[in-house]
Amino acid sequence: MVRRHELTDAEWPMLEPLPPRQRMGRPRADDRRVLNGIVFRFRSGVAWRDVPERYGSWRSLHTRFRRWAADGTFTRMLQAAQARADAAGVDRPGDLGG
């Protein structure tokens, strides 16, 4: 079941290869779950501390958000969504459905 503020099963495969890969250290939280938490935070407008626990620790979400913003991960995700929309001939990536 996809919740209202989460990525759909059709959207995730396009974004899955884009987050940077972990090189070493403790295994990190699932990228999809974390990205869903970040998406939830921005779509709902809640504070980081108020993101539901099902997405993991709000601190982890915020840290990953800051890292991905700094390293260009979100820019790559937006470019991938725009390329997909262009290929499908739609004006906005949100019109792709999913």
C-alpha atoms as a PDB file:
ATOM      1  CA  MET A   1       0.000   0.000   0.000  1.00  0.00           C
ATOM      2  CA  VAL A   2       1.385   3.376  -0.996  1.00  0.00           C
ATOM      3  CA  ARG A   3       0.588   6.165   1.412  1.00  0.00           C
ATOM      4  CA  ARG A   4      -0.435   9.612   0.283  1.00  0.00           C
ATOM      5  CA  HIS A   5       2.972  11.285   0.608  1.00  0.00           C
ATOM      6  CA  GLU A   6       5.122   8.389  -0.633  1.00  0.00           C
ATOM      7  CA  LEU A   7       6.726   7.467  -3.915  1.00  0.00           C
ATOM      8  CA  THR A   8       4.804   4.905  -5.927  1.00  0.00           C
ATOM      9  CA  ASP A   9       6.205   1.576  -7.125  1.00  0.00           C
ATOM     10  CA  ALA A  10       6.357   3.123 -10.618  1.00  0.00           C
ATOM     11  CA  GLU A  11       8.340   6.167  -9.438  1.00  0.00           C
ATOM     12  CA  TRP A  12      10.930   4.336  -7.326  1.00  0.00           C
ATOM     13  CA  PRO A  13      12.777   2.385 -10.092  1.00  0.00           C
ATOM     14  CA  MET A  14      13.619   5.654 -11.850  1.00  0.00           C
ATOM     15  CA  LEU A  15      15.131   7.106  -8.659  1.00  0.00           C
ATOM     16  CA  GLU A  16      16.640   3.967  -7.120  1.00  0.00           C
ATOM     17  CA  PRO A  17      20.049   4.129  -8.854  1.00  0.00           C
ATOM     18  CA  LEU A  18      20.579   7.843  -8.122  1.00  0.00           C
ATOM     19  CA  PRO A  19      21.458   8.033  -4.386  1.00  0.00           C
ATOM     20  CA  PRO A  20      25.196   7.669  -3.770  1.00  0.00           C
ATOM     21  CA  ARG A  21      26.322   4.179  -2.798  1.00  0.00           C
ATOM     22  CA  GLN A  22      27.687   3.537   0.659  1.00  0.00           C
ATOM     23  CA  ARG A  23      31.383   2.725   0.601  1.00  0.00           C
ATOM     24  CA  MET A  24      31.981   1.481   4.144  1.00  0.00           C
ATOM     25  CA  GLY A  25      30.792   1.705   7.711  1.00  0.00           C
ATOM     26  CA  ARG A  26      27.570   0.728   9.396  1.00  0.00           C
ATOM     27  CA  PRO A  27      24.771  -0.292   7.005  1.00  0.00           C
ATOM     28  CA  ARG A  28      22.526   2.687   6.423  1.00  0.00           C
ATOM     29  CA  ALA A  29      18.762   2.862   6.406  1.00  0.00           C
ATOM     30  CA  ASP A  30      16.886   1.862   3.266  1.00  0.00           C
ATOM     31  CA  ASP A  31      17.111   4.642   0.667  1.00  0.00           C
ATOM     32  CA  ARG A  32      13.466   4.315  -0.382  1.00  0.00           C
ATOM     33  CA  ARG A  33      12.186   4.570   3.184  1.00  0.00           C
ATOM     34  CA  VAL A  34      14.423   7.586   3.851  1.00  0.00           C
ATOM     35  CA  LEU A  35      13.426   9.296   0.610  1.00  0.00           C
ATOM     36  CA  ASN A  36       9.762   8.678   1.448  1.00  0.00           C
ATOM     37  CA  GLY A  37      10.359  10.321   4.839  1.00  0.00           C
ATOM     38  CA  ILE A  38      11.978  13.338   3.188  1.00  0.00           C
ATOM     39  CA  VAL A  39       9.154  13.554   0.650  1.00  0.00           C
ATOM     40  CA  PHE A  40       6.604  13.261   3.476  1.00  0.00           C
ATOM     41  CA  ARG A  41       8.272  16.110   5.353  1.00  0.00           C
ATOM     42  CA  PHE A  42       8.144  18.495   2.397  1.00  0.00           C
ATOM     43  CA  ARG A  43       4.741  17.476   1.022  1.00  0.00           C
ATOM     44  CA  SER A  44       3.069  17.712   4.435  1.00  0.00           C
ATOM     45  CA  GLY A  45       5.010  20.701   5.779  1.00  0.00           C
ATOM     46  CA  VAL A  46       5.682  19.152   9.191  1.00  0.00           C
ATOM     47  CA  ALA A  47       8.844  19.819  11.173  1.00  0.00           C
ATOM     48  CA  TRP A  48      11.610  17.207  10.928  1.00  0.00           C
ATOM     49  CA  ARG A  49      10.851  16.068  14.486  1.00  0.00           C
ATOM     50  CA  ASP A  50       7.237  15.367  13.493  1.00  0.00           C
ATOM     51  CA  VAL A  51       7.955  12.985  10.607  1.00  0.00           C
ATOM     52  CA  PRO A  52       6.362   9.610  11.516  1.00  0.00           C
ATOM     53  CA  GLU A  53       8.684   6.981  12.997  1.00  0.00           C
ATOM     54  CA  ARG A  54       7.857   4.555  10.158  1.00  0.00           C
ATOM     55  CA  TYR A  55      10.431   6.495   8.105  1.00  0.00           C
ATOM     56  CA  GLY A  56      13.134   6.105  10.722  1.00  0.00           C
ATOM     57  CA  SER A  57      14.816   8.609  12.981  1.00  0.00           C
ATOM     58  CA  TRP A  58      14.108  12.226  12.064  1.00  0.00           C
ATOM     59  CA  ARG A  59      17.800  12.942  12.690  1.00  0.00           C
ATOM     60  CA  SER A  60      18.809  10.355  10.093  1.00  0.00           C
ATOM     61  CA  LEU A  61      16.321  11.787   7.607  1.00  0.00           C
ATOM     62  CA  HIS A  62      17.610  15.302   8.142  1.00  0.00           C
ATOM     63  CA  THR A  63      21.251  14.218   7.862  1.00  0.00           C
ATOM     64  CA  ARG A  64      20.600  12.304   4.650  1.00  0.00           C
ATOM     65  CA  PHE A  65      18.626  15.262   3.263  1.00  0.00           C
ATOM     66  CA  ARG A  66      21.540  17.627   3.938  1.00  0.00           C
ATOM     67  CA  ARG A  67      24.069  15.223   2.387  1.00  0.00           C
ATOM     68  CA  TRP A  68      21.981  14.581  -0.712  1.00  0.00           C
ATOM     69  CA  ALA A  69      21.287  18.284  -1.151  1.00  0.00           C
ATOM     70  CA  ALA A  70      25.011  19.073  -0.909  1.00  0.00           C
ATOM     71  CA  ASP A  71      26.235  16.299  -3.233  1.00  0.00           C
ATOM     72  CA  GLY A  72      23.715  16.915  -6.034  1.00  0.00           C
ATOM     73  CA  THR A  73      21.581  13.810  -5.502  1.00  0.00           C
ATOM     74  CA  PHE A  74      18.335  15.802  -5.599  1.00  0.00           C
ATOM     75  CA  THR A  75      19.470  17.607  -8.747  1.00  0.00           C
ATOM     76  CA  ARG A  76      20.073  14.227 -10.429  1.00  0.00           C
ATOM     77  CA  MET A  77      16.646  13.012  -9.291  1.00  0.00           C
ATOM     78  CA  LEU A  78      14.955  16.088 -10.735  1.00  0.00           C
ATOM     79  CA  GLN A  79      16.868  15.738 -14.010  1.00  0.00           C
ATOM     80  CA  ALA A  80      15.845  12.070 -14.266  1.00  0.00           C
ATOM     81  CA  ALA A  81      12.184  12.982 -13.670  1.00  0.00           C
ATOM     82  CA  GLN A  82      12.385  15.757 -16.259  1.00  0.00           C
ATOM     83  CA  ALA A  83      14.036  13.452 -18.817  1.00  0.00           C
ATOM     84  CA  ARG A  84      11.302  10.871 -18.253  1.00  0.00           C
ATOM     85  CA  ALA A  85       8.613  13.530 -18.689  1.00  0.00           C
ATOM     86  CA  ASP A  86      10.281  14.805 -21.868  1.00  0.00           C
ATOM     87  CA  ALA A  87      10.442  11.276 -23.273  1.00  0.00           C
ATOM     88  CA  ALA A  88       6.760  10.767 -22.464  1.00  0.00           C
ATOM     89  CA  GLY A  89       5.841  14.116 -24.000  1.00  0.00           C
ATOM     90  CA  VAL A  90       4.298  15.657 -20.893  1.00  0.00           C
ATOM     91  CA  ASP A  91       4.814  19.175 -19.556  1.00  0.00           C
ATOM     92  CA  ARG A  92       5.415  18.281 -15.886  1.00  0.00           C
ATOM     93  CA  PRO A  93       6.934  15.142 -14.295  1.00  0.00           C
ATOM     94  CA  GLY A  94       3.927  14.993 -11.936  1.00  0.00           C
ATOM     95  CA  ASP A  95       1.688  14.387 -14.967  1.00  0.00           C
ATOM     96  CA  LEU A  96       3.357  11.019 -15.547  1.00  0.00           C
ATOM     97  CA  GLY A  97       1.138   9.404 -12.980  1.00  0.00           C
ATOM     98  CA  GLY A  98       2.565   6.280 -11.534  1.00  0.00           C
END
